């Protein structure tokens, strides 16, 4: 674990340099521990693939030694964070949620499905089967509110992003980008290969929490039947 400054109101806890389950478990353990034992001044915890950003209010960081401690707030806060994370390797992490995502694959909802199949010498149905039989892990949220980067995509359908991104991708669209899959929570530009769409709302600011998926969740995709509409 390496702790470094992140501007004048944050610090970065680096936990590795690979995207895998062991590193992800440490990310979740850090988040769970800091949520349970928040150092004074903590504002927000932001997990990523192999690190956790911690934002804090320097004016709220206490001076533990009275006026004799002349260290800057970052030094005092980082010490408090390290203290909260002692013996992290043996920390328990919360049981992950399992979220099922219904998807209408192909056609107007997944205009790149046939291209993904062509690149791998598969049929569209085989791509759908491989994509929907896998179990995925939410490693981090980013890019747009509620956009979950999902690990666990079968290598047989890992596909590079499009050479030319689209200017608008509908909300709920399921895509493949390299070795990951994800769902566009809002209409936005995007360069992933689009293979389907879900009727679920991934981000709703009026909902608590506003994001459907959270870091650590497991995700399964279920192909929609012919009479089920994603619209």
C-alpha atoms as a PDB file:
ATOM      1  CA  UNK A   1       0.000   0.000   0.000  1.00  0.00           C
ATOM      2  CA  UNK A   2       1.423   3.366  -1.047  1.00  0.00           C
ATOM      3  CA  UNK A   3      -0.119   6.676   0.086  1.00  0.00           C
ATOM      4  CA  UNK A   4       0.668   9.849  -1.878  1.00  0.00           C
ATOM      5  CA  UNK A   5      -0.796  13.388  -2.068  1.00  0.00           C
ATOM      6  CA  UNK A   6      -3.599  14.067  -4.549  1.00  0.00           C
ATOM      7  CA  UNK A   7      -3.748  17.844  -4.801  1.00  0.00           C
ATOM      8  CA  UNK A   8      -4.151  19.835  -1.595  1.00  0.00           C
ATOM      9  CA  UNK A   9      -7.399  18.166  -0.436  1.00  0.00           C
ATOM     10  CA  UNK A  10      -6.878  14.512  -1.230  1.00  0.00           C
ATOM     11  CA  UNK A  11      -4.614  11.497  -1.121  1.00  0.00           C
ATOM     12  CA  UNK A  12      -4.247   8.412  -3.281  1.00  0.00           C
ATOM     13  CA  UNK A  13      -3.908   4.908  -1.863  1.00  0.00           C
ATOM     14  CA  UNK A  14      -2.227   2.711  -4.494  1.00  0.00           C
ATOM     15  CA  UNK A  15      -2.800  -1.013  -3.980  1.00  0.00           C
ATOM     16  CA  UNK A  16      -1.205  -2.616  -7.041  1.00  0.00           C
ATOM     17  CA  UNK A  17      -0.703  -2.297 -10.766  1.00  0.00           C
ATOM     18  CA  UNK A  18      -2.948  -5.086 -12.081  1.00  0.00           C
ATOM     19  CA  UNK A  19      -6.697  -5.483 -12.542  1.00  0.00           C
ATOM     20  CA  UNK A  20      -7.561  -8.720 -10.779  1.00  0.00           C
ATOM     21  CA  UNK A  21      -9.652 -10.127  -7.953  1.00  0.00           C
ATOM     22  CA  UNK A  22      -6.880  -9.910  -5.345  1.00  0.00           C
ATOM     23  CA  UNK A  23      -6.267  -6.207  -5.979  1.00  0.00           C
ATOM     24  CA  UNK A  24     -10.000  -5.545  -6.199  1.00  0.00           C
ATOM     25  CA  UNK A  25     -10.511  -7.189  -2.809  1.00  0.00           C
ATOM     26  CA  UNK A  26      -7.966  -4.778  -1.299  1.00  0.00           C
ATOM     27  CA  UNK A  27      -9.769  -1.828  -2.911  1.00  0.00           C
ATOM     28  CA  UNK A  28     -13.043  -2.941  -1.343  1.00  0.00           C
ATOM     29  CA  UNK A  29     -11.360  -3.614   2.010  1.00  0.00           C
ATOM     30  CA  UNK A  30      -9.934  -0.071   2.071  1.00  0.00           C
ATOM     31  CA  UNK A  31     -13.347   1.415   1.280  1.00  0.00           C
ATOM     32  CA  UNK A  32     -15.128  -0.699   3.886  1.00  0.00           C
ATOM     33  CA  UNK A  33     -12.532   0.073   6.565  1.00  0.00           C
ATOM     34  CA  UNK A  34     -12.517   3.844   5.962  1.00  0.00           C
ATOM     35  CA  UNK A  35     -16.311   3.907   5.902  1.00  0.00           C
ATOM     36  CA  UNK A  36     -16.374   2.074   9.249  1.00  0.00           C
ATOM     37  CA  UNK A  37     -13.522   4.114  10.789  1.00  0.00           C
ATOM     38  CA  UNK A  38     -13.598   7.485   9.009  1.00  0.00           C
ATOM     39  CA  UNK A  39     -10.661   9.729   9.963  1.00  0.00           C
ATOM     40  CA  UNK A  40     -11.726  13.217  11.025  1.00  0.00           C
ATOM     41  CA  UNK A  41     -11.986  15.454   7.985  1.00  0.00           C
ATOM     42  CA  UNK A  42     -12.875  12.726   5.489  1.00  0.00           C
ATOM     43  CA  UNK A  43     -15.276  13.863   2.753  1.00  0.00           C
ATOM     44  CA  UNK A  44     -15.418  11.144   0.099  1.00  0.00           C
ATOM     45  CA  UNK A  45     -13.924   7.762  -0.816  1.00  0.00           C
ATOM     46  CA  UNK A  46     -13.542   7.029  -4.557  1.00  0.00           C
ATOM     47  CA  UNK A  47     -12.465   3.498  -5.555  1.00  0.00           C
ATOM     48  CA  UNK A  48     -10.797   2.709  -8.890  1.00  0.00           C
ATOM     49  CA  UNK A  49      -9.250  -0.397 -10.503  1.00  0.00           C
ATOM     50  CA  UNK A  50      -6.194  -0.584  -8.248  1.00  0.00           C
ATOM     51  CA  UNK A  51      -6.381   2.487  -6.029  1.00  0.00           C
ATOM     52  CA  UNK A  52      -8.635   4.521  -3.785  1.00  0.00           C
ATOM     53  CA  UNK A  53      -8.782   8.329  -3.776  1.00  0.00           C
ATOM     54  CA  UNK A  54      -9.671   9.894  -0.442  1.00  0.00           C
ATOM     55  CA  UNK A  55     -10.883  13.507  -0.361  1.00  0.00           C
ATOM     56  CA  UNK A  56     -10.752  15.466   2.894  1.00  0.00           C
ATOM     57  CA  UNK A  57     -11.214  18.920   4.394  1.00  0.00           C
ATOM     58  CA  UNK A  58      -7.820  20.178   5.656  1.00  0.00           C
ATOM     59  CA  UNK A  59      -9.483  22.581   8.083  1.00  0.00           C
ATOM     60  CA  UNK A  60     -11.290  19.667   9.780  1.00  0.00           C
ATOM     61  CA  UNK A  61      -8.178  17.570  10.365  1.00  0.00           C
ATOM     62  CA  UNK A  62      -7.411  17.718  14.109  1.00  0.00           C
ATOM     63  CA  UNK A  63      -4.028  18.516  15.559  1.00  0.00           C
ATOM     64  CA  UNK A  64      -3.473  15.463  17.722  1.00  0.00           C
ATOM     65  CA  UNK A  65      -0.581  16.943  19.707  1.00  0.00           C
ATOM     66  CA  UNK A  66      -2.050  20.347  20.401  1.00  0.00           C
ATOM     67  CA  UNK A  67      -0.041  23.320  19.201  1.00  0.00           C
ATOM     68  CA  UNK A  68       3.204  21.315  19.257  1.00  0.00           C
ATOM     69  CA  UNK A  69       2.359  19.430  16.042  1.00  0.00           C
ATOM     70  CA  UNK A  70       3.513  21.663  13.204  1.00  0.00           C
ATOM     71  CA  UNK A  71       2.889  19.137  10.433  1.00  0.00           C
ATOM     72  CA  UNK A  72       0.643  20.130   7.528  1.00  0.00           C
ATOM     73  CA  UNK A  73      -2.908  18.687   7.443  1.00  0.00           C
ATOM     74  CA  UNK A  74      -1.969  16.163   4.735  1.00  0.00           C
ATOM     75  CA  UNK A  75       0.659  14.565   6.960  1.00  0.00           C
ATOM     76  CA  UNK A  76      -1.726  14.334   9.896  1.00  0.00           C
ATOM     77  CA  UNK A  77      -4.586  13.026   7.776  1.00  0.00           C
ATOM     78  CA  UNK A  78      -2.444  10.462   5.942  1.00  0.00           C
ATOM     79  CA  UNK A  79      -1.184   9.167   9.295  1.00  0.00           C
ATOM     80  CA  UNK A  80      -4.802   8.775  10.440  1.00  0.00           C
ATOM     81  CA  UNK A  81      -5.655   6.916   7.222  1.00  0.00           C
ATOM     82  CA  UNK A  82      -2.704   4.554   7.627  1.00  0.00           C
ATOM     83  CA  UNK A  83      -3.753   3.928  11.214  1.00  0.00           C
ATOM     84  CA  UNK A  84      -7.278   3.030  10.120  1.00  0.00           C
ATOM     85  CA  UNK A  85      -5.923   0.567   7.539  1.00  0.00           C
ATOM     86  CA  UNK A  86      -3.672  -1.458   9.848  1.00  0.00           C
ATOM     87  CA  UNK A  87      -3.939  -5.238   9.283  1.00  0.00           C
ATOM     88  CA  UNK A  88      -5.932  -4.718   6.102  1.00  0.00           C
ATOM     89  CA  UNK A  89      -4.887  -8.054   4.551  1.00  0.00           C
ATOM     90  CA  UNK A  90      -7.069  -9.901   7.060  1.00  0.00           C
ATOM     91  CA  UNK A  91     -10.078  -7.577   6.830  1.00  0.00           C
ATOM     92  CA  UNK A  92     -13.434  -8.991   5.853  1.00  0.00           C
ATOM     93  CA  UNK A  93     -15.254  -7.450   2.894  1.00  0.00           C
ATOM     94  CA  UNK A  94     -19.004  -7.176   2.478  1.00  0.00           C
ATOM     95  CA  UNK A  95     -20.790  -9.902   0.531  1.00  0.00           C
ATOM     96  CA  UNK A  96     -21.280  -8.637  -3.041  1.00  0.00           C
ATOM     97  CA  UNK A  97     -24.723  -8.027  -4.475  1.00  0.00           C
ATOM     98  CA  UNK A  98     -25.789  -9.948  -7.577  1.00  0.00           C
ATOM     99  CA  UNK A  99     -27.596  -7.842 -10.160  1.00  0.00           C
ATOM    100  CA  UNK A 100     -29.341  -9.293 -13.210  1.00  0.00           C
ATOM    101  CA  UNK A 101     -29.457  -7.104 -16.318  1.00  0.00           C
ATOM    102  CA  UNK A 102     -32.055  -8.019 -18.978  1.00  0.00           C
ATOM    103  CA  UNK A 103     -30.800  -7.264 -22.510  1.00  0.00           C
ATOM    104  CA  UNK A 104     -32.271  -7.243 -25.999  1.00  0.00           C
ATOM    105  CA  UNK A 105     -29.309  -8.211 -28.149  1.00  0.00           C
ATOM    106  CA  UNK A 106     -28.696  -7.255 -31.771  1.00  0.00           C
ATOM    107  CA  UNK A 107     -30.750  -5.388 -34.354  1.00  0.00           C
ATOM    108  CA  UNK A 108     -31.353  -1.712 -33.733  1.00  0.00           C
ATOM    109  CA  UNK A 109     -30.497  -2.253 -30.055  1.00  0.00           C
ATOM    110  CA  UNK A 110     -27.087  -3.813 -30.767  1.00  0.00           C
ATOM    111  CA  UNK A 111     -25.891  -2.599 -34.172  1.00  0.00           C
ATOM    112  CA  UNK A 112     -22.342  -3.963 -33.730  1.00  0.00           C
ATOM    113  CA  UNK A 113     -23.295  -7.505 -32.708  1.00  0.00           C
ATOM    114  CA  UNK A 114     -22.723  -8.938 -36.190  1.00  0.00           C
ATOM    115  CA  UNK A 115     -19.383  -7.125 -36.508  1.00  0.00           C
ATOM    116  CA  UNK A 116     -18.221  -8.526 -33.158  1.00  0.00           C
ATOM    117  CA  UNK A 117     -19.250 -12.005 -34.341  1.00  0.00           C
ATOM    118  CA  UNK A 118     -17.419 -11.522 -37.675  1.00  0.00           C
ATOM    119  CA  UNK A 119     -14.189 -10.470 -35.958  1.00  0.00           C
ATOM    120  CA  UNK A 120     -14.148 -13.691 -33.923  1.00  0.00           C
ATOM    121  CA  UNK A 121     -15.497 -16.062 -36.586  1.00  0.00           C
ATOM    122  CA  UNK A 122     -18.604 -16.661 -34.481  1.00  0.00           C
ATOM    123  CA  UNK A 123     -22.303 -16.380 -35.097  1.00  0.00           C
ATOM    124  CA  UNK A 124     -24.261 -13.564 -33.392  1.00  0.00           C
ATOM    125  CA  UNK A 125     -26.048 -16.190 -31.300  1.00  0.00           C
ATOM    126  CA  UNK A 126     -22.688 -17.530 -30.082  1.00  0.00           C
ATOM    127  CA  UNK A 127     -21.608 -14.029 -29.060  1.00  0.00           C
ATOM    128  CA  UNK A 128     -24.857 -13.587 -27.139  1.00  0.00           C
ATOM    129  CA  UNK A 129     -24.421 -16.947 -25.433  1.00  0.00           C
ATOM    130  CA  UNK A 130     -20.847 -16.216 -24.389  1.00  0.00           C
ATOM    131  CA  UNK A 131     -21.705 -12.709 -23.198  1.00  0.00           C
ATOM    132  CA  UNK A 132     -24.760 -13.757 -21.191  1.00  0.00           C
ATOM    133  CA  UNK A 133     -23.293 -16.919 -19.632  1.00  0.00           C
ATOM    134  CA  UNK A 134     -20.400 -15.100 -17.959  1.00  0.00           C
ATOM    135  CA  UNK A 135     -20.477 -13.556 -14.492  1.00  0.00           C
ATOM    136  CA  UNK A 136     -19.003 -10.063 -14.265  1.00  0.00           C
ATOM    137  CA  UNK A 137     -17.499  -7.929 -11.517  1.00  0.00           C
ATOM    138  CA  UNK A 138     -17.962  -4.160 -11.153  1.00  0.00           C
ATOM    139  CA  UNK A 139     -14.370  -2.985 -10.753  1.00  0.00           C
ATOM    140  CA  UNK A 140     -15.057   0.737 -10.809  1.00  0.00           C
ATOM    141  CA  UNK A 141     -17.481   3.494 -11.857  1.00  0.00           C
ATOM    142  CA  UNK A 142     -16.292   6.236 -14.186  1.00  0.00           C
ATOM    143  CA  UNK A 143     -16.550   7.985 -17.560  1.00  0.00           C
ATOM    144  CA  UNK A 144     -20.179   8.994 -16.842  1.00  0.00           C
ATOM    145  CA  UNK A 145     -22.375   8.822 -13.713  1.00  0.00           C
ATOM    146  CA  UNK A 146     -23.246   5.184 -13.130  1.00  0.00           C
ATOM    147  CA  UNK A 147     -21.019   3.737 -15.882  1.00  0.00           C
ATOM    148  CA  UNK A 148     -19.695   0.464 -14.467  1.00  0.00           C
ATOM    149  CA  UNK A 149     -16.514  -1.072 -15.851  1.00  0.00           C
ATOM    150  CA  UNK A 150     -17.172  -4.821 -15.768  1.00  0.00           C
ATOM    151  CA  UNK A 151     -14.403  -7.416 -15.674  1.00  0.00           C
ATOM    152  CA  UNK A 152     -14.985 -11.039 -16.623  1.00  0.00           C
ATOM    153  CA  UNK A 153     -15.670 -10.767 -20.350  1.00  0.00           C
ATOM    154  CA  UNK A 154     -14.806 -14.065 -22.092  1.00  0.00           C
ATOM    155  CA  UNK A 155     -11.566 -13.696 -24.059  1.00  0.00           C
ATOM    156  CA  UNK A 156     -13.306 -15.227 -27.083  1.00  0.00           C
ATOM    157  CA  UNK A 157     -15.369 -12.031 -27.571  1.00  0.00           C
ATOM    158  CA  UNK A 158     -12.926  -9.363 -26.366  1.00  0.00           C
ATOM    159  CA  UNK A 159     -13.085  -6.773 -29.152  1.00  0.00           C
ATOM    160  CA  UNK A 160     -11.263  -3.470 -29.751  1.00  0.00           C
ATOM    161  CA  UNK A 161     -13.246  -0.246 -29.619  1.00  0.00           C
ATOM    162  CA  UNK A 162     -14.579   1.188 -32.870  1.00  0.00           C
ATOM    163  CA  UNK A 163     -12.149   3.175 -35.009  1.00  0.00           C
ATOM    164  CA  UNK A 164     -14.696   6.021 -35.116  1.00  0.00           C
ATOM    165  CA  UNK A 165     -16.761   6.658 -31.954  1.00  0.00           C
ATOM    166  CA  UNK A 166     -20.461   7.416 -32.292  1.00  0.00           C
ATOM    167  CA  UNK A 167     -21.620  10.907 -31.392  1.00  0.00           C
ATOM    168  CA  UNK A 168     -24.614   9.543 -29.472  1.00  0.00           C
ATOM    169  CA  UNK A 169     -25.219   6.166 -27.821  1.00  0.00           C
ATOM    170  CA  UNK A 170     -28.673   5.596 -26.236  1.00  0.00           C
ATOM    171  CA  UNK A 171     -28.936   5.138 -22.480  1.00  0.00           C
ATOM    172  CA  UNK A 172     -28.991   1.476 -21.478  1.00  0.00           C
ATOM    173  CA  UNK A 173     -26.855   0.314 -24.393  1.00  0.00           C
ATOM    174  CA  UNK A 174     -24.548  -2.619 -23.625  1.00  0.00           C
ATOM    175  CA  UNK A 175     -21.110  -2.487 -25.226  1.00  0.00           C
ATOM    176  CA  UNK A 176     -17.768  -4.246 -25.446  1.00  0.00           C
ATOM    177  CA  UNK A 177     -14.535  -2.267 -25.217  1.00  0.00           C
ATOM    178  CA  UNK A 178     -11.397  -4.379 -25.313  1.00  0.00           C
ATOM    179  CA  UNK A 179     -11.524  -6.965 -22.524  1.00  0.00           C
ATOM    180  CA  UNK A 180     -14.388  -5.264 -20.676  1.00  0.00           C
ATOM    181  CA  UNK A 181     -18.103  -4.850 -21.089  1.00  0.00           C
ATOM    182  CA  UNK A 182     -20.306  -2.057 -19.779  1.00  0.00           C
ATOM    183  CA  UNK A 183     -23.651  -0.262 -20.007  1.00  0.00           C
ATOM    184  CA  UNK A 184     -24.068   3.363 -21.028  1.00  0.00           C
ATOM    185  CA  UNK A 185     -26.128   4.930 -18.198  1.00  0.00           C
ATOM    186  CA  UNK A 186     -26.936   8.104 -20.129  1.00  0.00           C
ATOM    187  CA  UNK A 187     -27.128   9.065 -23.786  1.00  0.00           C
ATOM    188  CA  UNK A 188     -23.585  10.094 -24.656  1.00  0.00           C
ATOM    189  CA  UNK A 189     -20.845   9.763 -27.261  1.00  0.00           C
ATOM    190  CA  UNK A 190     -19.052   6.428 -27.166  1.00  0.00           C
ATOM    191  CA  UNK A 191     -16.674   4.176 -29.027  1.00  0.00           C
ATOM    192  CA  UNK A 192     -17.488   0.733 -27.637  1.00  0.00           C
ATOM    193  CA  UNK A 193     -18.941  -2.042 -29.800  1.00  0.00           C
ATOM    194  CA  UNK A 194     -22.703  -1.971 -29.178  1.00  0.00           C
ATOM    195  CA  UNK A 195     -24.326  -5.384 -28.833  1.00  0.00           C
ATOM    196  CA  UNK A 196     -27.625  -4.784 -27.000  1.00  0.00           C
ATOM    197  CA  UNK A 197     -29.735  -2.607 -24.741  1.00  0.00           C
ATOM    198  CA  UNK A 198     -31.399  -2.944 -21.333  1.00  0.00           C
ATOM    199  CA  UNK A 199     -34.623  -1.289 -20.133  1.00  0.00           C
ATOM    200  CA  UNK A 200     -33.136  -0.729 -16.670  1.00  0.00           C
ATOM    201  CA  UNK A 201     -32.188   2.774 -15.523  1.00  0.00           C
ATOM    202  CA  UNK A 202     -28.522   2.745 -14.579  1.00  0.00           C
ATOM    203  CA  UNK A 203     -28.437   6.284 -13.169  1.00  0.00           C
ATOM    204  CA  UNK A 204     -31.247   8.294 -11.558  1.00  0.00           C
ATOM    205  CA  UNK A 205     -30.257  11.336  -9.449  1.00  0.00           C
ATOM    206  CA  UNK A 206     -33.604  11.129  -7.611  1.00  0.00           C
ATOM    207  CA  UNK A 207     -32.867   7.570  -6.460  1.00  0.00           C
ATOM    208  CA  UNK A 208     -30.839   6.596  -3.397  1.00  0.00           C
ATOM    209  CA  UNK A 209     -28.285   5.473  -4.295  1.00  0.00           C
ATOM    210  CA  UNK A 210     -28.479   7.096  -7.731  1.00  0.00           C
ATOM    211  CA  UNK A 211     -26.449   4.341  -9.425  1.00  0.00           C
ATOM    212  CA  UNK A 212     -27.907   0.891 -10.021  1.00  0.00           C
ATOM    213  CA  UNK A 213     -24.500  -0.796  -9.849  1.00  0.00           C
ATOM    214  CA  UNK A 214     -21.817  -0.370  -7.215  1.00  0.00           C
ATOM    215  CA  UNK A 215     -18.174  -1.356  -6.915  1.00  0.00           C
ATOM    216  CA  UNK A 216     -17.915  -5.032  -5.974  1.00  0.00           C
ATOM    217  CA  UNK A 217     -21.303  -6.082  -7.368  1.00  0.00           C
ATOM    218  CA  UNK A 218     -21.506  -9.160  -9.556  1.00  0.00           C
ATOM    219  CA  UNK A 219     -23.530  -8.819 -12.745  1.00  0.00           C
ATOM    220  CA  UNK A 220     -25.269 -11.336 -14.984  1.00  0.00           C
ATOM    221  CA  UNK A 221     -26.877 -10.482 -18.332  1.00  0.00           C
ATOM    222  CA  UNK A 222     -30.138 -12.187 -19.317  1.00  0.00           C
ATOM    223  CA  UNK A 223     -31.243 -12.174 -22.972  1.00  0.00           C
ATOM    224  CA  UNK A 224     -34.749 -10.747 -23.328  1.00  0.00           C
ATOM    225  CA  UNK A 225     -37.390 -12.928 -24.939  1.00  0.00           C
ATOM    226  CA  UNK A 226     -39.112 -11.932 -28.195  1.00  0.00           C
ATOM    227  CA  UNK A 227     -42.097 -10.394 -26.371  1.00  0.00           C
ATOM    228  CA  UNK A 228     -40.013  -8.367 -23.929  1.00  0.00           C
ATOM    229  CA  UNK A 229     -39.082  -4.845 -25.034  1.00  0.00           C
ATOM    230  CA  UNK A 230     -36.101  -2.820 -23.830  1.00  0.00           C
ATOM    231  CA  UNK A 231     -37.825   0.453 -24.791  1.00  0.00           C
END
